[in-house]
Every structure is written in structure tokens, then in C-alpha cells.
Amino acid sequence: MPARDLALLTEAAREAGRIALRYWRKDPQVWDKGGEHGPVTEADLAVNDMLKAKLLDARPEYGWLSEETPDNADRLAVDTVFIVDPIDGTRAFVAGEETWAHSLAVQRS
């Protein structure tokens, strides 16, 4: 991964942490995504919105794939894609456990 992407992802992950901690152990709103997809919280959505804006603003030529954003074929037309799970471990997050994280990756074709 190029250093410029690593620096961007590191900065974005820190900001994601600041946002998530505003909701953690504070009874965030939770919705069931249905089927086997599990829960999503208002924290997931807030982190997702920030990450999408920040990362695509910095790299508009990259595609986007996130657990909390509807997928579309646009990402298939580019060589580089951000792959994100805004809060990996949503059930743990909701339970107030310390076993959740932000998963951010860059995939190159």
C-alpha cells in the first residue's frame, strides 16, 4: 500500500474512533438489517458517512464498497477500491464490549 494511502486510512480511522466513542456505551439507536446481516447502529452510519466523504474526497478516482452502503457496479470500473466496515463487531459495540474495530482497506486490481 502506498504511504499516502496508509496515512489517509490512519487519519480516517482515528476520526472514526472519535465519532464511534460518542455513541459507545451510550445506548445508540440500533436497527436490524434483516436476514443474517445483523444489526446496524447510528454509530455505524455516522462513521460510514464520514469515511465515505473523507476517503473519496481525498481519492475521487477510487471506488467504494462498505457494509453500510448499498453496493453498485461503479466500483467494478476502477482499479482501486476502498473496502470498509465502519464498525466491525457491531454486536460487541452495542453490548459495550471492547472487541470492535474499524476495518479499512484498499484493494487494487
N, C-alpha and C. Protein backbone atom coordinates (compact mmCIF):
# COMPACT_ATOMS: atom_id res chain seq x y z
N MET A 1 0.85 -1.17 0.00
CA MET A 1 0.00 0.00 0.00
C MET A 1 0.89 1.24 0.00
N PRO A 2 0.61 2.17 -0.87
CA PRO A 2 1.41 3.40 -0.88
C PRO A 2 1.29 4.14 0.45
N ALA A 3 2.37 4.78 0.85
CA ALA A 3 2.39 5.50 2.13
C ALA A 3 1.29 6.55 2.19
N ARG A 4 0.96 7.16 1.06
CA ARG A 4 -0.07 8.20 1.10
C ARG A 4 -1.44 7.60 1.44
N ASP A 5 -1.71 6.38 0.99
CA ASP A 5 -2.97 5.72 1.36
C ASP A 5 -2.95 5.30 2.82
N LEU A 6 -1.84 4.79 3.29
CA LEU A 6 -1.74 4.38 4.68
C LEU A 6 -1.96 5.57 5.61
N ALA A 7 -1.34 6.70 5.29
CA ALA A 7 -1.52 7.90 6.11
C ALA A 7 -2.98 8.35 6.11
N LEU A 8 -3.61 8.31 4.96
CA LEU A 8 -5.02 8.70 4.85
C LEU A 8 -5.90 7.77 5.67
N LEU A 9 -5.69 6.46 5.55
CA LEU A 9 -6.51 5.50 6.29
C LEU A 9 -6.28 5.61 7.79
N THR A 10 -5.05 5.87 8.20
CA THR A 10 -4.75 6.03 9.62
C THR A 10 -5.48 7.24 10.19
N GLU A 11 -5.41 8.34 9.48
CA GLU A 11 -6.11 9.56 9.91
C GLU A 11 -7.63 9.32 9.95
N ALA A 12 -8.15 8.66 8.93
CA ALA A 12 -9.59 8.38 8.88
C ALA A 12 -10.01 7.45 10.02
N ALA A 13 -9.20 6.46 10.34
CA ALA A 13 -9.52 5.53 11.42
C ALA A 13 -9.54 6.25 12.76
N ARG A 14 -8.64 7.18 12.96
CA ARG A 14 -8.64 7.95 14.22
C ARG A 14 -9.91 8.79 14.34
N GLU A 15 -10.29 9.43 13.25
CA GLU A 15 -11.52 10.21 13.26
C GLU A 15 -12.73 9.30 13.47
N ALA A 16 -12.71 8.13 12.86
CA ALA A 16 -13.79 7.16 13.06
C ALA A 16 -13.91 6.78 14.53
N GLY A 17 -12.78 6.59 15.18
CA GLY A 17 -12.79 6.26 16.60
C GLY A 17 -13.40 7.36 17.45
N ARG A 18 -13.07 8.60 17.12
CA ARG A 18 -13.65 9.72 17.87
C ARG A 18 -15.17 9.75 17.72
N ILE A 19 -15.64 9.51 16.51
CA ILE A 19 -17.09 9.50 16.28
C ILE A 19 -17.74 8.34 17.01
N ALA A 20 -17.19 7.15 16.87
CA ALA A 20 -17.79 5.96 17.49
C ALA A 20 -17.86 6.09 19.01
N LEU A 21 -16.83 6.66 19.60
CA LEU A 21 -16.81 6.78 21.06
C LEU A 21 -17.89 7.72 21.59
N ARG A 22 -18.40 8.58 20.75
CA ARG A 22 -19.52 9.45 21.18
C ARG A 22 -20.79 8.62 21.39
N TYR A 23 -20.86 7.43 20.79
CA TYR A 23 -22.04 6.57 20.89
C TYR A 23 -21.82 5.36 21.80
N TRP A 24 -20.58 4.93 21.96
CA TRP A 24 -20.26 3.69 22.66
C TRP A 24 -20.68 3.78 24.13
N ARG A 25 -21.37 2.75 24.58
CA ARG A 25 -21.88 2.64 25.95
C ARG A 25 -22.87 3.77 26.28
N LYS A 26 -23.50 4.31 25.25
CA LYS A 26 -24.48 5.38 25.45
C LYS A 26 -25.82 5.02 24.81
N ASP A 27 -26.11 3.74 24.68
CA ASP A 27 -27.38 3.24 24.16
C ASP A 27 -27.74 3.82 22.79
N PRO A 28 -26.88 3.57 21.78
CA PRO A 28 -27.18 4.11 20.45
C PRO A 28 -28.41 3.43 19.85
N GLN A 29 -29.04 4.13 18.91
CA GLN A 29 -30.15 3.51 18.18
C GLN A 29 -29.62 2.33 17.39
N VAL A 30 -30.39 1.25 17.36
CA VAL A 30 -29.99 0.02 16.68
C VAL A 30 -31.15 -0.45 15.80
N TRP A 31 -30.81 -0.87 14.58
CA TRP A 31 -31.79 -1.44 13.66
C TRP A 31 -31.27 -2.81 13.21
N ASP A 32 -32.18 -3.70 12.90
CA ASP A 32 -31.82 -5.00 12.35
C ASP A 32 -31.85 -4.89 10.83
N LYS A 33 -30.75 -5.24 10.18
CA LYS A 33 -30.68 -5.17 8.72
C LYS A 33 -31.45 -6.31 8.05
N GLY A 34 -31.90 -7.26 8.84
CA GLY A 34 -32.69 -8.35 8.29
C GLY A 34 -31.84 -9.53 7.86
N GLY A 35 -32.48 -10.68 7.81
CA GLY A 35 -31.77 -11.89 7.40
C GLY A 35 -30.62 -12.18 8.33
N GLU A 36 -29.51 -12.55 7.75
CA GLU A 36 -28.31 -12.87 8.52
C GLU A 36 -27.34 -11.69 8.55
N HIS A 37 -27.83 -10.50 8.21
CA HIS A 37 -26.94 -9.34 8.11
C HIS A 37 -26.65 -8.68 9.44
N GLY A 38 -27.44 -8.96 10.46
CA GLY A 38 -27.16 -8.44 11.78
C GLY A 38 -27.59 -7.00 11.98
N PRO A 39 -27.16 -6.42 13.11
CA PRO A 39 -27.58 -5.08 13.45
C PRO A 39 -26.72 -3.99 12.80
N VAL A 40 -27.29 -2.79 12.78
CA VAL A 40 -26.56 -1.59 12.40
C VAL A 40 -26.98 -0.51 13.40
N THR A 41 -26.05 0.32 13.79
CA THR A 41 -26.35 1.38 14.75
C THR A 41 -26.19 2.75 14.10
N GLU A 42 -26.69 3.75 14.81
CA GLU A 42 -26.48 5.11 14.34
C GLU A 42 -24.99 5.44 14.30
N ALA A 43 -24.20 4.79 15.13
CA ALA A 43 -22.74 4.99 15.10
C ALA A 43 -22.15 4.43 13.81
N ASP A 44 -22.59 3.23 13.39
CA ASP A 44 -22.13 2.66 12.12
C ASP A 44 -22.37 3.65 10.99
N LEU A 45 -23.57 4.22 10.96
CA LEU A 45 -23.95 5.11 9.87
C LEU A 45 -23.17 6.42 9.91
N ALA A 46 -22.97 6.96 11.12
CA ALA A 46 -22.20 8.20 11.25
C ALA A 46 -20.75 8.00 10.83
N VAL A 47 -20.16 6.90 11.26
CA VAL A 47 -18.77 6.60 10.88
C VAL A 47 -18.70 6.35 9.37
N ASN A 48 -19.64 5.60 8.84
CA ASN A 48 -19.65 5.31 7.40
C ASN A 48 -19.73 6.61 6.59
N ASP A 49 -20.62 7.51 6.98
CA ASP A 49 -20.78 8.77 6.25
C ASP A 49 -19.48 9.57 6.25
N MET A 50 -18.84 9.66 7.42
CA MET A 50 -17.58 10.40 7.50
C MET A 50 -16.51 9.74 6.64
N LEU A 51 -16.37 8.42 6.75
CA LEU A 51 -15.34 7.72 5.99
C LEU A 51 -15.55 7.89 4.49
N LYS A 52 -16.76 7.72 4.04
CA LYS A 52 -17.03 7.85 2.60
C LYS A 52 -16.68 9.25 2.11
N ALA A 53 -17.11 10.26 2.85
CA ALA A 53 -16.81 11.64 2.45
C ALA A 53 -15.31 11.92 2.47
N LYS A 54 -14.66 11.55 3.55
CA LYS A 54 -13.23 11.85 3.71
C LYS A 54 -12.37 11.09 2.70
N LEU A 55 -12.61 9.80 2.57
CA LEU A 55 -11.76 8.99 1.71
C LEU A 55 -11.99 9.29 0.23
N LEU A 56 -13.24 9.41 -0.18
CA LEU A 56 -13.50 9.67 -1.60
C LEU A 56 -13.19 11.12 -1.97
N ASP A 57 -13.25 12.01 -1.01
CA ASP A 57 -12.83 13.39 -1.27
C ASP A 57 -11.33 13.42 -1.56
N ALA A 58 -10.57 12.62 -0.81
CA ALA A 58 -9.12 12.56 -0.99
C ALA A 58 -8.72 11.75 -2.22
N ARG A 59 -9.51 10.74 -2.57
CA ARG A 59 -9.20 9.85 -3.70
C ARG A 59 -10.45 9.64 -4.55
N PRO A 60 -10.90 10.66 -5.27
CA PRO A 60 -12.15 10.53 -6.04
C PRO A 60 -12.09 9.48 -7.14
N GLU A 61 -10.90 9.08 -7.52
CA GLU A 61 -10.76 8.08 -8.58
C GLU A 61 -10.91 6.65 -8.05
N TYR A 62 -11.01 6.47 -6.73
CA TYR A 62 -11.17 5.15 -6.13
C TYR A 62 -12.65 4.78 -6.08
N GLY A 63 -12.92 3.49 -6.02
CA GLY A 63 -14.28 3.01 -5.82
C GLY A 63 -14.57 2.86 -4.33
N TRP A 64 -15.79 2.44 -4.03
CA TRP A 64 -16.24 2.35 -2.64
C TRP A 64 -17.07 1.09 -2.44
N LEU A 65 -16.74 0.32 -1.41
CA LEU A 65 -17.53 -0.84 -1.00
C LEU A 65 -17.57 -0.84 0.52
N SER A 66 -18.76 -0.71 1.07
CA SER A 66 -18.91 -0.66 2.52
C SER A 66 -20.07 -1.54 2.94
N GLU A 67 -19.94 -2.10 4.12
CA GLU A 67 -21.01 -2.93 4.67
C GLU A 67 -22.29 -2.12 4.88
N GLU A 68 -22.15 -0.81 5.04
CA GLU A 68 -23.32 0.02 5.36
C GLU A 68 -23.79 0.88 4.19
N THR A 69 -23.28 0.66 3.00
CA THR A 69 -23.68 1.42 1.82
C THR A 69 -24.16 0.44 0.75
N PRO A 70 -25.29 0.72 0.12
CA PRO A 70 -25.71 -0.16 -0.98
C PRO A 70 -24.61 -0.27 -2.03
N ASP A 71 -24.35 -1.48 -2.47
CA ASP A 71 -23.31 -1.70 -3.48
C ASP A 71 -23.84 -1.30 -4.85
N ASN A 72 -22.92 -0.88 -5.71
CA ASN A 72 -23.28 -0.62 -7.10
C ASN A 72 -22.11 -1.00 -7.99
N ALA A 73 -22.34 -1.05 -9.27
CA ALA A 73 -21.33 -1.53 -10.21
C ALA A 73 -20.23 -0.52 -10.48
N ASP A 74 -20.36 0.71 -10.01
CA ASP A 74 -19.33 1.73 -10.28
C ASP A 74 -17.94 1.27 -9.84
N ARG A 75 -17.89 0.58 -8.72
CA ARG A 75 -16.58 0.16 -8.19
C ARG A 75 -15.89 -0.86 -9.10
N LEU A 76 -16.65 -1.53 -9.93
CA LEU A 76 -16.08 -2.54 -10.82
C LEU A 76 -15.35 -1.92 -12.01
N ALA A 77 -15.57 -0.64 -12.23
CA ALA A 77 -14.96 0.05 -13.38
C ALA A 77 -13.65 0.73 -13.04
N VAL A 78 -13.20 0.62 -11.79
CA VAL A 78 -11.95 1.27 -11.37
C VAL A 78 -10.95 0.24 -10.87
N ASP A 79 -9.69 0.63 -10.84
CA ASP A 79 -8.62 -0.29 -10.43
C ASP A 79 -8.41 -0.36 -8.93
N THR A 80 -8.87 0.67 -8.20
CA THR A 80 -8.61 0.74 -6.77
C THR A 80 -9.91 1.03 -6.04
N VAL A 81 -10.14 0.29 -4.94
CA VAL A 81 -11.40 0.40 -4.21
C VAL A 81 -11.12 0.45 -2.71
N PHE A 82 -11.79 1.38 -2.02
CA PHE A 82 -11.81 1.35 -0.56
C PHE A 82 -12.82 0.29 -0.15
N ILE A 83 -12.44 -0.58 0.79
CA ILE A 83 -13.34 -1.58 1.35
C ILE A 83 -13.42 -1.31 2.85
N VAL A 84 -14.65 -1.10 3.34
CA VAL A 84 -14.82 -0.57 4.69
C VAL A 84 -15.91 -1.33 5.45
N ASP A 85 -15.65 -1.59 6.72
CA ASP A 85 -16.69 -1.95 7.67
C ASP A 85 -16.56 -0.90 8.78
N PRO A 86 -17.47 0.07 8.83
CA PRO A 86 -17.32 1.20 9.74
C PRO A 86 -17.15 0.80 11.20
N ILE A 87 -17.96 -0.15 11.65
CA ILE A 87 -17.77 -0.73 12.99
C ILE A 87 -17.84 -2.24 12.81
N ASP A 88 -16.68 -2.85 12.84
CA ASP A 88 -16.57 -4.30 12.72
C ASP A 88 -16.74 -4.87 14.12
N GLY A 89 -17.84 -5.56 14.34
CA GLY A 89 -18.17 -6.04 15.67
C GLY A 89 -19.30 -5.22 16.27
N THR A 90 -20.32 -4.95 15.46
CA THR A 90 -21.43 -4.11 15.92
C THR A 90 -22.11 -4.69 17.14
N ARG A 91 -22.28 -6.00 17.19
CA ARG A 91 -22.94 -6.60 18.37
C ARG A 91 -22.13 -6.31 19.64
N ALA A 92 -20.82 -6.43 19.55
CA ALA A 92 -19.96 -6.12 20.70
C ALA A 92 -20.06 -4.64 21.05
N PHE A 93 -20.09 -3.79 20.04
CA PHE A 93 -20.22 -2.35 20.25
C PHE A 93 -21.51 -2.05 21.02
N VAL A 94 -22.62 -2.63 20.58
CA VAL A 94 -23.92 -2.42 21.23
C VAL A 94 -23.89 -2.92 22.67
N ALA A 95 -23.20 -4.03 22.91
CA ALA A 95 -23.12 -4.61 24.25
C ALA A 95 -22.15 -3.86 25.16
N GLY A 96 -21.44 -2.88 24.62
CA GLY A 96 -20.48 -2.13 25.43
C GLY A 96 -19.16 -2.84 25.62
N GLU A 97 -18.93 -3.88 24.83
CA GLU A 97 -17.66 -4.62 24.93
C GLU A 97 -16.55 -3.85 24.21
N GLU A 98 -15.33 -4.26 24.46
CA GLU A 98 -14.17 -3.60 23.87
C GLU A 98 -13.61 -4.37 22.67
N THR A 99 -14.42 -5.19 22.05
CA THR A 99 -13.94 -6.04 20.95
C THR A 99 -14.57 -5.64 19.63
N TRP A 100 -14.45 -4.38 19.27
CA TRP A 100 -14.90 -3.86 17.99
C TRP A 100 -13.79 -3.01 17.40
N ALA A 101 -13.88 -2.76 16.12
CA ALA A 101 -12.82 -2.00 15.44
C ALA A 101 -13.39 -1.36 14.18
N HIS A 102 -12.58 -0.58 13.54
CA HIS A 102 -12.90 -0.03 12.22
C HIS A 102 -12.04 -0.79 11.22
N SER A 103 -12.66 -1.38 10.22
CA SER A 103 -11.91 -2.12 9.20
C SER A 103 -11.88 -1.29 7.92
N LEU A 104 -10.67 -0.91 7.52
CA LEU A 104 -10.47 -0.10 6.32
C LEU A 104 -9.38 -0.74 5.49
N ALA A 105 -9.64 -0.88 4.20
CA ALA A 105 -8.65 -1.50 3.31
C ALA A 105 -8.68 -0.81 1.95
N VAL A 106 -7.59 -1.00 1.22
CA VAL A 106 -7.50 -0.56 -0.17
C VAL A 106 -7.20 -1.79 -1.00
N GLN A 107 -8.05 -2.06 -1.99
CA GLN A 107 -7.86 -3.20 -2.88
C GLN A 107 -7.50 -2.67 -4.26
N ARG A 108 -6.42 -3.23 -4.81
CA ARG A 108 -6.00 -2.84 -6.16
C ARG A 108 -6.13 -4.04 -7.09
N SER A 109 -6.63 -3.79 -8.30
CA SER A 109 -6.78 -4.86 -9.28
C SER A 109 -5.43 -5.24 -9.86
